[in-house]
Amino acid sequence: MHAFDVLGDPVRRRILELLADSEMTSGAVCEVIQREFEISQPAVSQHLKVLRDNGFATVRPEGTRRFYAVRHEPLRDLDAWLGRFRSFWTPHLDALATELARGRRERRLRGPGEEHPDPRSSS
């Protein structure tokens, strides 16, 4: 299965988001996913299996519990592939950051209570 096929599913993306913060038991993952997506425990287990079989997650048995964690390597590979396309959006995001900073600076310089000048009015 291709990485984008694996990550194209919102349930699997959410599982990875949960695991990105810390290792979790399969039961804890199931509890969150069942509540958020209203799917059965066997369905959640199948999503965990897809993530594990495709290298996005690891499982560590400890007694009767199974602890899942993210494997970062496949995500790094995706990031490297996406890097070829960052030039399409990075300049736009940089320009947005500049405009946001300019707006914050103007508000700071105006001070509290001063109105924002209307660029459409000609004085």
PDB file of N, CA and C in Angstrom:
ATOM      1  N   MET A   1       0.847  -1.172   0.000  1.00  0.00           N
ATOM      2  CA  MET A   1       0.000   0.000   0.000  1.00  0.00           C
ATOM      3  C   MET A   1       0.893   1.235   0.000  1.00  0.00           C
ATOM      4  N   HIS A   2       0.561   2.211  -0.801  1.00  0.00           N
ATOM      5  CA  HIS A   2       1.326   3.451  -0.896  1.00  0.00           C
ATOM      6  C   HIS A   2       1.084   4.304   0.345  1.00  0.00           C
ATOM      7  N   ALA A   3       2.073   5.078   0.721  1.00  0.00           N
ATOM      8  CA  ALA A   3       1.982   5.895   1.933  1.00  0.00           C
ATOM      9  C   ALA A   3       0.762   6.812   1.914  1.00  0.00           C
ATOM     10  N   PHE A   4       0.447   7.391   0.764  1.00  0.00           N
ATOM     11  CA  PHE A   4      -0.698   8.293   0.711  1.00  0.00           C
ATOM     12  C   PHE A   4      -2.016   7.525   0.818  1.00  0.00           C
ATOM     13  N   ASP A   5      -2.025   6.278   0.406  1.00  0.00           N
ATOM     14  CA  ASP A   5      -3.215   5.449   0.615  1.00  0.00           C
ATOM     15  C   ASP A   5      -3.410   5.193   2.105  1.00  0.00           C
ATOM     16  N   VAL A   6      -2.320   4.934   2.795  1.00  0.00           N
ATOM     17  CA  VAL A   6      -2.384   4.699   4.237  1.00  0.00           C
ATOM     18  C   VAL A   6      -2.862   5.958   4.948  1.00  0.00           C
ATOM     19  N   LEU A   7      -2.271   7.098   4.599  1.00  0.00           N
ATOM     20  CA  LEU A   7      -2.574   8.347   5.293  1.00  0.00           C
ATOM     21  C   LEU A   7      -3.808   9.050   4.749  1.00  0.00           C
ATOM     22  N   GLY A   8      -4.363   8.535   3.659  1.00  0.00           N
ATOM     23  CA  GLY A   8      -5.560   9.134   3.090  1.00  0.00           C
ATOM     24  C   GLY A   8      -6.793   8.904   3.941  1.00  0.00           C
ATOM     25  N   ASP A   9      -6.723   7.964   4.839  1.00  0.00           N
ATOM     26  CA  ASP A   9      -7.868   7.655   5.694  1.00  0.00           C
ATOM     27  C   ASP A   9      -7.843   8.539   6.943  1.00  0.00           C
ATOM     28  N   PRO A  10      -8.933   9.257   7.233  1.00  0.00           N
ATOM     29  CA  PRO A  10      -8.938  10.165   8.392  1.00  0.00           C
ATOM     30  C   PRO A  10      -8.773   9.447   9.734  1.00  0.00           C
ATOM     31  N   VAL A  11      -9.228   8.219   9.836  1.00  0.00           N
ATOM     32  CA  VAL A  11      -9.061   7.481  11.093  1.00  0.00           C
ATOM     33  C   VAL A  11      -7.581   7.199  11.325  1.00  0.00           C
ATOM     34  N   ARG A  12      -6.884   6.756  10.293  1.00  0.00           N
ATOM     35  CA  ARG A  12      -5.454   6.457  10.460  1.00  0.00           C
ATOM     36  C   ARG A  12      -4.648   7.728  10.721  1.00  0.00           C
ATOM     37  N   ARG A  13      -5.027   8.833  10.073  1.00  0.00           N
ATOM     38  CA  ARG A  13      -4.327  10.092  10.360  1.00  0.00           C
ATOM     39  C   ARG A  13      -4.531  10.487  11.819  1.00  0.00           C
ATOM     40  N   ARG A  14      -5.741  10.319  12.324  1.00  0.00           N
ATOM     41  CA  ARG A  14      -6.026  10.679  13.715  1.00  0.00           C
ATOM     42  C   ARG A  14      -5.257   9.779  14.676  1.00  0.00           C
ATOM     43  N   ILE A  15      -5.162   8.507  14.352  1.00  0.00           N
ATOM     44  CA  ILE A  15      -4.380   7.594  15.192  1.00  0.00           C
ATOM     45  C   ILE A  15      -2.930   8.062  15.254  1.00  0.00           C
ATOM     46  N   LEU A  16      -2.369   8.428  14.119  1.00  0.00           N
ATOM     47  CA  LEU A  16      -0.986   8.923  14.116  1.00  0.00           C
ATOM     48  C   LEU A  16      -0.850  10.208  14.922  1.00  0.00           C
ATOM     49  N   GLU A  17      -1.857  11.079  14.850  1.00  0.00           N
ATOM     50  CA  GLU A  17      -1.815  12.296  15.662  1.00  0.00           C
ATOM     51  C   GLU A  17      -1.765  11.949  17.145  1.00  0.00           C
ATOM     52  N   LEU A  18      -2.571  10.990  17.541  1.00  0.00           N
ATOM     53  CA  LEU A  18      -2.575  10.567  18.946  1.00  0.00           C
ATOM     54  C   LEU A  18      -1.220   9.997  19.349  1.00  0.00           C
ATOM     55  N   LEU A  19      -0.660   9.162  18.486  1.00  0.00           N
ATOM     56  CA  LEU A  19       0.610   8.514  18.800  1.00  0.00           C
ATOM     57  C   LEU A  19       1.793   9.461  18.697  1.00  0.00           C
ATOM     58  N   ALA A  20       1.627  10.578  17.991  1.00  0.00           N
ATOM     59  CA  ALA A  20       2.732  11.535  17.857  1.00  0.00           C
ATOM     60  C   ALA A  20       3.098  12.137  19.207  1.00  0.00           C
ATOM     61  N   ASP A  21       2.120  12.254  20.091  1.00  0.00           N
ATOM     62  CA  ASP A  21       2.389  12.845  21.404  1.00  0.00           C
ATOM     63  C   ASP A  21       3.108  11.881  22.328  1.00  0.00           C
ATOM     64  N   SER A  22       2.698  10.608  22.285  1.00  0.00           N
ATOM     65  CA  SER A  22       3.343   9.607  23.140  1.00  0.00           C
ATOM     66  C   SER A  22       2.820   8.225  22.783  1.00  0.00           C
ATOM     67  N   GLU A  23       3.544   7.246  23.235  1.00  0.00           N
ATOM     68  CA  GLU A  23       3.129   5.855  23.074  1.00  0.00           C
ATOM     69  C   GLU A  23       1.793   5.658  23.796  1.00  0.00           C
ATOM     70  N   MET A  24       0.907   4.855  23.193  1.00  0.00           N
ATOM     71  CA  MET A  24      -0.405   4.601  23.798  1.00  0.00           C
ATOM     72  C   MET A  24      -0.748   3.131  23.698  1.00  0.00           C
ATOM     73  N   THR A  25      -1.546   2.651  24.640  1.00  0.00           N
ATOM     74  CA  THR A  25      -2.030   1.278  24.545  1.00  0.00           C
ATOM     75  C   THR A  25      -3.098   1.214  23.454  1.00  0.00           C
ATOM     76  N   SER A  26      -3.267   0.028  22.903  1.00  0.00           N
ATOM     77  CA  SER A  26      -4.302  -0.147  21.889  1.00  0.00           C
ATOM     78  C   SER A  26      -5.676   0.191  22.463  1.00  0.00           C
ATOM     79  N   GLY A  27      -5.888  -0.127  23.739  1.00  0.00           N
ATOM     80  CA  GLY A  27      -7.160   0.189  24.384  1.00  0.00           C
ATOM     81  C   GLY A  27      -7.420   1.682  24.457  1.00  0.00           C
ATOM     82  N   ALA A  28      -6.381   2.457  24.772  1.00  0.00           N
ATOM     83  CA  ALA A  28      -6.528   3.919  24.843  1.00  0.00           C
ATOM     84  C   ALA A  28      -6.800   4.501  23.466  1.00  0.00           C
ATOM     85  N   VAL A  29      -6.102   3.987  22.452  1.00  0.00           N
ATOM     86  CA  VAL A  29      -6.334   4.439  21.076  1.00  0.00           C
ATOM     87  C   VAL A  29      -7.774   4.121  20.684  1.00  0.00           C
ATOM     88  N   CYS A  30      -8.194   2.894  20.951  1.00  0.00           N
ATOM     89  CA  CYS A  30      -9.560   2.469  20.612  1.00  0.00           C
ATOM     90  C   CYS A  30     -10.596   3.364  21.270  1.00  0.00           C
ATOM     91  N   GLU A  31     -10.381   3.683  22.532  1.00  0.00           N
ATOM     92  CA  GLU A  31     -11.346   4.508  23.264  1.00  0.00           C
ATOM     93  C   GLU A  31     -11.553   5.860  22.572  1.00  0.00           C
ATOM     94  N   VAL A  32     -10.458   6.521  22.207  1.00  0.00           N
ATOM     95  CA  VAL A  32     -10.555   7.836  21.556  1.00  0.00           C
ATOM     96  C   VAL A  32     -11.187   7.709  20.173  1.00  0.00           C
ATOM     97  N   ILE A  33     -10.696   6.767  19.388  1.00  0.00           N
ATOM     98  CA  ILE A  33     -11.167   6.624  18.008  1.00  0.00           C
ATOM     99  C   ILE A  33     -12.631   6.194  17.970  1.00  0.00           C
ATOM    100  N   GLN A  34     -13.019   5.284  18.834  1.00  0.00           N
ATOM    101  CA  GLN A  34     -14.425   4.863  18.870  1.00  0.00           C
ATOM    102  C   GLN A  34     -15.333   6.041  19.210  1.00  0.00           C
ATOM    103  N   ARG A  35     -14.908   6.870  20.126  1.00  0.00           N
ATOM    104  CA  ARG A  35     -15.705   8.033  20.527  1.00  0.00           C
ATOM    105  C   ARG A  35     -15.789   9.056  19.392  1.00  0.00           C
ATOM    106  N   GLU A  36     -14.657   9.324  18.738  1.00  0.00           N
ATOM    107  CA  GLU A  36     -14.620  10.365  17.710  1.00  0.00           C
ATOM    108  C   GLU A  36     -15.238   9.929  16.381  1.00  0.00           C
ATOM    109  N   PHE A  37     -15.058   8.657  16.019  1.00  0.00           N
ATOM    110  CA  PHE A  37     -15.499   8.198  14.699  1.00  0.00           C
ATOM    111  C   PHE A  37     -16.682   7.231  14.742  1.00  0.00           C
ATOM    112  N   GLU A  38     -17.066   6.842  15.952  1.00  0.00           N
ATOM    113  CA  GLU A  38     -18.185   5.919  16.129  1.00  0.00           C
ATOM    114  C   GLU A  38     -18.019   4.647  15.297  1.00  0.00           C
ATOM    115  N   ILE A  39     -16.832   4.036  15.430  1.00  0.00           N
ATOM    116  CA  ILE A  39     -16.564   2.762  14.763  1.00  0.00           C
ATOM    117  C   ILE A  39     -16.257   1.711  15.824  1.00  0.00           C
ATOM    118  N   SER A  40     -16.322   0.467  15.445  1.00  0.00           N
ATOM    119  CA  SER A  40     -16.147  -0.633  16.394  1.00  0.00           C
ATOM    120  C   SER A  40     -14.680  -0.842  16.762  1.00  0.00           C
ATOM    121  N   GLN A  41     -14.460  -1.561  17.845  1.00  0.00           N
ATOM    122  CA  GLN A  41     -13.104  -1.899  18.274  1.00  0.00           C
ATOM    123  C   GLN A  41     -12.384  -2.721  17.212  1.00  0.00           C
ATOM    124  N   PRO A  42     -13.033  -3.719  16.574  1.00  0.00           N
ATOM    125  CA  PRO A  42     -12.334  -4.453  15.515  1.00  0.00           C
ATOM    126  C   PRO A  42     -11.924  -3.554  14.338  1.00  0.00           C
ATOM    127  N   ALA A  43     -12.738  -2.537  14.037  1.00  0.00           N
ATOM    128  CA  ALA A  43     -12.377  -1.612  12.953  1.00  0.00           C
ATOM    129  C   ALA A  43     -11.151  -0.791  13.332  1.00  0.00           C
ATOM    130  N   VAL A  44     -11.086  -0.337  14.579  1.00  0.00           N
ATOM    131  CA  VAL A  44      -9.913   0.413  15.046  1.00  0.00           C
ATOM    132  C   VAL A  44      -8.688  -0.491  14.998  1.00  0.00           C
ATOM    133  N   SER A  45      -8.835  -1.727  15.428  1.00  0.00           N
ATOM    134  CA  SER A  45      -7.721  -2.686  15.399  1.00  0.00           C
ATOM    135  C   SER A  45      -7.224  -2.890  13.974  1.00  0.00           C
ATOM    136  N   GLN A  46      -8.137  -2.910  13.020  1.00  0.00           N
ATOM    137  CA  GLN A  46      -7.735  -3.071  11.612  1.00  0.00           C
ATOM    138  C   GLN A  46      -6.925  -1.865  11.142  1.00  0.00           C
ATOM    139  N   HIS A  47      -7.322  -0.668  11.549  1.00  0.00           N
ATOM    140  CA  HIS A  47      -6.553   0.537  11.190  1.00  0.00           C
ATOM    141  C   HIS A  47      -5.160   0.495  11.824  1.00  0.00           C
ATOM    142  N   LEU A  48      -5.083   0.056  13.073  1.00  0.00           N
ATOM    143  CA  LEU A  48      -3.773  -0.080  13.720  1.00  0.00           C
ATOM    144  C   LEU A  48      -2.902  -1.086  12.974  1.00  0.00           C
ATOM    145  N   LYS A  49      -3.513  -2.167  12.510  1.00  0.00           N
ATOM    146  CA  LYS A  49      -2.782  -3.188  11.753  1.00  0.00           C
ATOM    147  C   LYS A  49      -2.255  -2.619  10.435  1.00  0.00           C
ATOM    148  N   VAL A  50      -3.064  -1.824   9.744  1.00  0.00           N
ATOM    149  CA  VAL A  50      -2.620  -1.205   8.489  1.00  0.00           C
ATOM    150  C   VAL A  50      -1.427  -0.289   8.756  1.00  0.00           C
ATOM    151  N   LEU A  51      -1.510   0.511   9.813  1.00  0.00           N
ATOM    152  CA  LEU A  51      -0.391   1.400  10.149  1.00  0.00           C
ATOM    153  C   LEU A  51       0.857   0.599  10.491  1.00  0.00           C
ATOM    154  N   ARG A  52       0.695  -0.469  11.235  1.00  0.00           N
ATOM    155  CA  ARG A  52       1.828  -1.319  11.630  1.00  0.00           C
ATOM    156  C   ARG A  52       2.413  -2.031  10.408  1.00  0.00           C
ATOM    157  N   ASP A  53       1.552  -2.643   9.599  1.00  0.00           N
ATOM    158  CA  ASP A  53       2.020  -3.408   8.432  1.00  0.00           C
ATOM    159  C   ASP A  53       2.718  -2.533   7.394  1.00  0.00           C
ATOM    160  N   ASN A  54       2.369  -1.254   7.369  1.00  0.00           N
ATOM    161  CA  ASN A  54       2.972  -0.345   6.395  1.00  0.00           C
ATOM    162  C   ASN A  54       4.084   0.509   6.987  1.00  0.00           C
ATOM    163  N   GLY A  55       4.505   0.175   8.196  1.00  0.00           N
ATOM    164  CA  GLY A  55       5.679   0.802   8.790  1.00  0.00           C
ATOM    165  C   GLY A  55       5.458   2.132   9.470  1.00  0.00           C
ATOM    166  N   PHE A  56       4.214   2.569   9.628  1.00  0.00           N
ATOM    167  CA  PHE A  56       3.962   3.857  10.261  1.00  0.00           C
ATOM    168  C   PHE A  56       3.851   3.770  11.778  1.00  0.00           C
ATOM    169  N   ALA A  57       3.661   2.583  12.297  1.00  0.00           N
ATOM    170  CA  ALA A  57       3.531   2.406  13.744  1.00  0.00           C
ATOM    171  C   ALA A  57       4.250   1.133  14.165  1.00  0.00           C
ATOM    172  N   THR A  58       4.684   1.137  15.411  1.00  0.00           N
ATOM    173  CA  THR A  58       5.273  -0.055  16.009  1.00  0.00           C
ATOM    174  C   THR A  58       4.384  -0.490  17.157  1.00  0.00           C
ATOM    175  N   VAL A  59       4.502  -1.757  17.511  1.00  0.00           N
ATOM    176  CA  VAL A  59       3.762  -2.263  18.664  1.00  0.00           C
ATOM    177  C   VAL A  59       4.752  -2.953  19.592  1.00  0.00           C
ATOM    178  N   ARG A  60       4.570  -2.699  20.887  1.00  0.00           N
ATOM    179  CA  ARG A  60       5.436  -3.282  21.905  1.00  0.00           C
ATOM    180  C   ARG A  60       4.542  -3.984  22.924  1.00  0.00           C
ATOM    181  N   PRO A  61       4.629  -5.314  22.954  1.00  0.00           N
ATOM    182  CA  PRO A  61       3.812  -6.031  23.940  1.00  0.00           C
ATOM    183  C   PRO A  61       4.405  -5.885  25.333  1.00  0.00           C
ATOM    184  N   GLU A  62       3.519  -5.725  26.301  1.00  0.00           N
ATOM    185  CA  GLU A  62       3.926  -5.690  27.707  1.00  0.00           C
ATOM    186  C   GLU A  62       2.817  -6.388  28.493  1.00  0.00           C
ATOM    187  N   GLY A  63       3.067  -7.642  28.820  1.00  0.00           N
ATOM    188  CA  GLY A  63       2.027  -8.441  29.458  1.00  0.00           C
ATOM    189  C   GLY A  63       0.873  -8.639  28.492  1.00  0.00           C
ATOM    190  N   THR A  64      -0.317  -8.287  28.940  1.00  0.00           N
ATOM    191  CA  THR A  64      -1.496  -8.437  28.074  1.00  0.00           C
ATOM    192  C   THR A  64      -1.784  -7.178  27.272  1.00  0.00           C
ATOM    193  N   ARG A  65      -1.015  -6.127  27.497  1.00  0.00           N
ATOM    194  CA  ARG A  65      -1.264  -4.860  26.783  1.00  0.00           C
ATOM    195  C   ARG A  65      -0.327  -4.711  25.601  1.00  0.00           C
ATOM    196  N   ARG A  66      -0.775  -3.932  24.625  1.00  0.00           N
ATOM    197  CA  ARG A  66       0.016  -3.626  23.434  1.00  0.00           C
ATOM    198  C   ARG A  66       0.170  -2.113  23.360  1.00  0.00           C
ATOM    199  N   PHE A  67       1.419  -1.664  23.319  1.00  0.00           N
ATOM    200  CA  PHE A  67       1.714  -0.237  23.240  1.00  0.00           C
ATOM    201  C   PHE A  67       2.100   0.118  21.805  1.00  0.00           C
ATOM    202  N   TYR A  68       1.419   1.119  21.272  1.00  0.00           N
ATOM    203  CA  TYR A  68       1.682   1.578  19.906  1.00  0.00           C
ATOM    204  C   TYR A  68       2.433   2.896  19.943  1.00  0.00           C
ATOM    205  N   ALA A  69       3.318   3.088  18.958  1.00  0.00           N
ATOM    206  CA  ALA A  69       4.080   4.328  18.823  1.00  0.00           C
ATOM    207  C   ALA A  69       4.269   4.613  17.329  1.00  0.00           C
ATOM    208  N   VAL A  70       4.529   5.863  17.018  1.00  0.00           N
ATOM    209  CA  VAL A  70       4.779   6.270  15.624  1.00  0.00           C
ATOM    210  C   VAL A  70       6.188   5.873  15.232  1.00  0.00           C
ATOM    211  N   ARG A  71       6.337   5.389  14.014  1.00  0.00           N
ATOM    212  CA  ARG A  71       7.664   5.229  13.406  1.00  0.00           C
ATOM    213  C   ARG A  71       7.878   6.461  12.540  1.00  0.00           C
ATOM    214  N   HIS A  72       8.937   7.192  12.801  1.00  0.00           N
ATOM    215  CA  HIS A  72       9.156   8.466  12.127  1.00  0.00           C
ATOM    216  C   HIS A  72       9.745   8.339  10.724  1.00  0.00           C
ATOM    217  N   GLU A  73      10.403   7.243  10.438  1.00  0.00           N
ATOM    218  CA  GLU A  73      11.086   7.102   9.151  1.00  0.00           C
ATOM    219  C   GLU A  73      10.157   7.274   7.950  1.00  0.00           C
ATOM    220  N   PRO A  74       9.009   6.601   7.903  1.00  0.00           N
ATOM    221  CA  PRO A  74       8.139   6.788   6.733  1.00  0.00           C
ATOM    222  C   PRO A  74       7.634   8.228   6.598  1.00  0.00           C
ATOM    223  N   LEU A  75       7.461   8.895   7.722  1.00  0.00           N
ATOM    224  CA  LEU A  75       7.021  10.285   7.669  1.00  0.00           C
ATOM    225  C   LEU A  75       8.133  11.184   7.146  1.00  0.00           C
ATOM    226  N   ARG A  76       9.358  10.859   7.475  1.00  0.00           N
ATOM    227  CA  ARG A  76      10.494  11.616   6.920  1.00  0.00           C
ATOM    228  C   ARG A  76      10.579  11.418   5.414  1.00  0.00           C
ATOM    229  N   ASP A  77      10.326  10.200   4.962  1.00  0.00           N
ATOM    230  CA  ASP A  77      10.326   9.937   3.519  1.00  0.00           C
ATOM    231  C   ASP A  77       9.248  10.756   2.819  1.00  0.00           C
ATOM    232  N   LEU A  78       8.064  10.829   3.418  1.00  0.00           N
ATOM    233  CA  LEU A  78       6.982  11.644   2.849  1.00  0.00           C
ATOM    234  C   LEU A  78       7.371  13.111   2.835  1.00  0.00           C
ATOM    235  N   ASP A  79       7.979  13.565   3.920  1.00  0.00           N
ATOM    236  CA  ASP A  79       8.400  14.957   3.998  1.00  0.00           C
ATOM    237  C   ASP A  79       9.417  15.273   2.907  1.00  0.00           C
ATOM    238  N   ALA A  80      10.348  14.372   2.670  1.00  0.00           N
ATOM    239  CA  ALA A  80      11.341  14.574   1.616  1.00  0.00           C
ATOM    240  C   ALA A  80      10.661  14.642   0.248  1.00  0.00           C
ATOM    241  N   TRP A  81       9.690  13.777   0.018  1.00  0.00           N
ATOM    242  CA  TRP A  81       8.983  13.793  -1.262  1.00  0.00           C
ATOM    243  C   TRP A  81       8.207  15.105  -1.419  1.00  0.00           C
ATOM    244  N   LEU A  82       7.531  15.530  -0.356  1.00  0.00           N
ATOM    245  CA  LEU A  82       6.772  16.779  -0.411  1.00  0.00           C
ATOM    246  C   LEU A  82       7.687  17.993  -0.578  1.00  0.00           C
ATOM    247  N   GLY A  83       8.929  17.864  -0.146  1.00  0.00           N
ATOM    248  CA  GLY A  83       9.884  18.960  -0.274  1.00  0.00           C
ATOM    249  C   GLY A  83      10.019  19.474  -1.688  1.00  0.00           C
ATOM    250  N   ARG A  84       9.839  18.593  -2.654  1.00  0.00           N
ATOM    251  CA  ARG A  84       9.912  19.004  -4.066  1.00  0.00           C
ATOM    252  C   ARG A  84       8.820  20.013  -4.419  1.00  0.00           C
ATOM    253  N   PHE A  85       7.750  20.043  -3.638  1.00  0.00           N
ATOM    254  CA  PHE A  85       6.601  20.877  -3.966  1.00  0.00           C
ATOM    255  C   PHE A  85       6.444  22.084  -3.042  1.00  0.00           C
ATOM    256  N   ARG A  86       7.288  22.196  -2.034  1.00  0.00           N
ATOM    257  CA  ARG A  86       7.172  23.304  -1.080  1.00  0.00           C
ATOM    258  C   ARG A  86       7.318  24.664  -1.741  1.00  0.00           C
ATOM    259  N   SER A  87       8.059  24.733  -2.821  1.00  0.00           N
ATOM    260  CA  SER A  87       8.255  26.021  -3.489  1.00  0.00           C
ATOM    261  C   SER A  87       6.938  26.597  -4.003  1.00  0.00           C
ATOM    262  N   PHE A  88       5.917  25.769  -4.142  1.00  0.00           N
ATOM    263  CA  PHE A  88       4.620  26.256  -4.607  1.00  0.00           C
ATOM    264  C   PHE A  88       3.886  27.049  -3.524  1.00  0.00           C
ATOM    265  N   TRP A  89       4.071  26.673  -2.244  1.00  0.00           N
ATOM    266  CA  TRP A  89       3.320  27.366  -1.207  1.00  0.00           C
ATOM    267  C   TRP A  89       4.172  28.159  -0.229  1.00  0.00           C
ATOM    268  N   THR A  90       5.462  27.881  -0.131  1.00  0.00           N
ATOM    269  CA  THR A  90       6.294  28.572   0.849  1.00  0.00           C
ATOM    270  C   THR A  90       6.329  30.087   0.637  1.00  0.00           C
ATOM    271  N   PRO A  91       6.517  30.587  -0.586  1.00  0.00           N
ATOM    272  CA  PRO A  91       6.528  32.052  -0.748  1.00  0.00           C
ATOM    273  C   PRO A  91       5.210  32.700  -0.318  1.00  0.00           C
ATOM    274  N   HIS A  92       4.099  32.031  -0.578  1.00  0.00           N
ATOM    275  CA  HIS A  92       2.796  32.580  -0.183  1.00  0.00           C
ATOM    276  C   HIS A  92       2.659  32.613   1.339  1.00  0.00           C
ATOM    277  N   LEU A  93       3.128  31.570   2.001  1.00  0.00           N
ATOM    278  CA  LEU A  93       3.077  31.547   3.465  1.00  0.00           C
ATOM    279  C   LEU A  93       4.023  32.585   4.058  1.00  0.00           C
ATOM    280  N   ASP A  94       5.184  32.765   3.444  1.00  0.00           N
ATOM    281  CA  ASP A  94       6.114  33.789   3.909  1.00  0.00           C
ATOM    282  C   ASP A  94       5.502  35.176   3.761  1.00  0.00           C
ATOM    283  N   ALA A  95       4.827  35.414   2.631  1.00  0.00           N
ATOM    284  CA  ALA A  95       4.177  36.712   2.413  1.00  0.00           C
ATOM    285  C   ALA A  95       3.068  36.938   3.432  1.00  0.00           C
ATOM    286  N   LEU A  96       2.306  35.900   3.732  1.00  0.00           N
ATOM    287  CA  LEU A  96       1.256  36.008   4.740  1.00  0.00           C
ATOM    288  C   LEU A  96       1.859  36.341   6.101  1.00  0.00           C
ATOM    289  N   ALA A  97       2.936  35.672   6.472  1.00  0.00           N
ATOM    290  CA  ALA A  97       3.590  35.948   7.754  1.00  0.00           C
ATOM    291  C   ALA A  97       4.062  37.401   7.815  1.00  0.00           C
ATOM    292  N   THR A  98       4.582  37.917   6.715  1.00  0.00           N
ATOM    293  CA  THR A  98       5.026  39.312   6.662  1.00  0.00           C
ATOM    294  C   THR A  98       3.857  40.260   6.876  1.00  0.00           C
ATOM    295  N   GLU A  99       2.738  39.994   6.206  1.00  0.00           N
ATOM    296  CA  GLU A  99       1.558  40.852   6.351  1.00  0.00           C
ATOM    297  C   GLU A  99       0.989  40.792   7.768  1.00  0.00           C
ATOM    298  N   LEU A 100       0.966  39.623   8.362  1.00  0.00           N
ATOM    299  CA  LEU A 100       0.486  39.504   9.743  1.00  0.00           C
ATOM    300  C   LEU A 100       1.382  40.286  10.698  1.00  0.00           C
ATOM    301  N   ALA A 101       2.687  40.186  10.518  1.00  0.00           N
ATOM    302  CA  ALA A 101       3.634  40.923  11.364  1.00  0.00           C
ATOM    303  C   ALA A 101       3.455  42.425  11.163  1.00  0.00           C
ATOM    304  N   ARG A 102       3.237  42.849   9.918  1.00  0.00           N
ATOM    305  CA  ARG A 102       3.037  44.272   9.634  1.00  0.00           C
ATOM    306  C   ARG A 102       1.774  44.769  10.343  1.00  0.00           C
ATOM    307  N   GLY A 103       0.699  43.992  10.296  1.00  0.00           N
ATOM    308  CA  GLY A 103      -0.539  44.379  10.964  1.00  0.00           C
ATOM    309  C   GLY A 103      -0.371  44.481  12.471  1.00  0.00           C
ATOM    310  N   ARG A 104       0.351  43.520  13.069  1.00  0.00           N
ATOM    311  CA  ARG A 104       0.597  43.568  14.521  1.00  0.00           C
ATOM    312  C   ARG A 104       1.416  44.812  14.880  1.00  0.00           C
ATOM    313  N   ARG A 105       2.403  45.112  14.064  1.00  0.00           N
ATOM    314  CA  ARG A 105       3.257  46.278  14.311  1.00  0.00           C
ATOM    315  C   ARG A 105       2.436  47.553  14.226  1.00  0.00           C
ATOM    316  N   GLU A 106       1.582  47.667  13.218  1.00  0.00           N
ATOM    317  CA  GLU A 106       0.760  48.865  13.065  1.00  0.00           C
ATOM    318  C   GLU A 106      -0.188  49.033  14.248  1.00  0.00           C
ATOM    319  N   ARG A 107      -0.781  47.952  14.729  1.00  0.00           N
ATOM    320  CA  ARG A 107      -1.672  48.028  15.888  1.00  0.00           C
ATOM    321  C   ARG A 107      -0.907  48.475  17.136  1.00  0.00           C
ATOM    322  N   ARG A 108       0.321  47.958  17.287  1.00  0.00           N
ATOM    323  CA  ARG A 108       1.145  48.347  18.436  1.00  0.00           C
ATOM    324  C   ARG A 108       1.472  49.837  18.380  1.00  0.00           C
ATOM    325  N   LEU A 109       1.815  50.337  17.203  1.00  0.00           N
ATOM    326  CA  LEU A 109       2.195  51.738  17.052  1.00  0.00           C
ATOM    327  C   LEU A 109       1.005  52.679  17.212  1.00  0.00           C
ATOM    328  N   ARG A 110      -0.194  52.224  16.801  1.00  0.00           N
ATOM    329  CA  ARG A 110      -1.402  53.044  16.928  1.00  0.00           C
ATOM    330  C   ARG A 110      -1.784  53.227  18.382  1.00  0.00           C
ATOM    331  N   GLY A 111      -1.608  52.193  19.149  1.00  0.00           N
ATOM    332  CA  GLY A 111      -1.983  52.253  20.551  1.00  0.00           C
ATOM    333  C   GLY A 111      -3.442  51.881  20.741  1.00  0.00           C
ATOM    334  N   PRO A 112      -3.824  51.695  22.006  1.00  0.00           N
ATOM    335  CA  PRO A 112      -5.196  51.269  22.294  1.00  0.00           C
ATOM    336  C   PRO A 112      -6.196  52.391  21.997  1.00  0.00           C
ATOM    337  N   GLY A 113      -7.342  52.000  21.485  1.00  0.00           N
ATOM    338  CA  GLY A 113      -8.429  52.943  21.261  1.00  0.00           C
ATOM    339  C   GLY A 113      -8.372  53.691  19.947  1.00  0.00           C
ATOM    340  N   GLU A 114      -7.244  53.680  19.283  1.00  0.00           N
ATOM    341  CA  GLU A 114      -7.153  54.371  17.996  1.00  0.00           C
ATOM    342  C   GLU A 114      -7.740  53.496  16.907  1.00  0.00           C
ATOM    343  N   GLU A 115      -8.497  54.127  16.026  1.00  0.00           N
ATOM    344  CA  GLU A 115      -9.111  53.385  14.942  1.00  0.00           C
ATOM    345  C   GLU A 115      -8.108  53.127  13.834  1.00  0.00           C
ATOM    346  N   HIS A 116      -8.359  52.048  13.138  1.00  0.00           N
ATOM    347  CA  HIS A 116      -7.547  51.707  11.969  1.00  0.00           C
ATOM    348  C   HIS A 116      -7.967  52.623  10.833  1.00  0.00           C
ATOM    349  N   PRO A 117      -7.028  53.342  10.208  1.00  0.00           N
ATOM    350  CA  PRO A 117      -7.405  54.234   9.110  1.00  0.00           C
ATOM    351  C   PRO A 117      -7.983  53.422   7.945  1.00  0.00           C
ATOM    352  N   ASP A 118      -9.055  53.963   7.368  1.00  0.00           N
ATOM    353  CA  ASP A 118      -9.705  53.315   6.232  1.00  0.00           C
ATOM    354  C   ASP A 118      -8.927  53.666   4.978  1.00  0.00           C
ATOM    355  N   PRO A 119      -8.294  52.676   4.324  1.00  0.00           N
ATOM    356  CA  PRO A 119      -7.483  52.968   3.131  1.00  0.00           C
ATOM    357  C   PRO A 119      -8.325  53.492   1.975  1.00  0.00           C
ATOM    358  N   ARG A 120      -9.645  53.335   2.054  1.00  0.00           N
ATOM    359  CA  ARG A 120     -10.507  53.794   0.957  1.00  0.00           C
ATOM    360  C   ARG A 120     -10.826  55.278   1.074  1.00  0.00           C
ATOM    361  N   SER A 121     -10.622  55.836   2.272  1.00  0.00           N
ATOM    362  CA  SER A 121     -10.947  57.256   2.428  1.00  0.00           C
ATOM    363  C   SER A 121      -9.763  58.093   1.971  1.00  0.00           C
ATOM    364  N   SER A 122     -10.074  59.216   1.347  1.00  0.00           N
ATOM    365  CA  SER A 122      -8.994  60.110   0.894  1.00  0.00           C
ATOM    366  C   SER A 122      -9.129  61.407   1.669  1.00  0.00           C
ATOM    367  N   SER A 123      -8.081  61.697   2.441  1.00  0.00           N
ATOM    368  CA  SER A 123      -8.124  62.897   3.269  1.00  0.00           C
ATOM    369  C   SER A 123      -7.308  63.990   2.687  1.00  0.00           C
TER     370      SER A 123
END
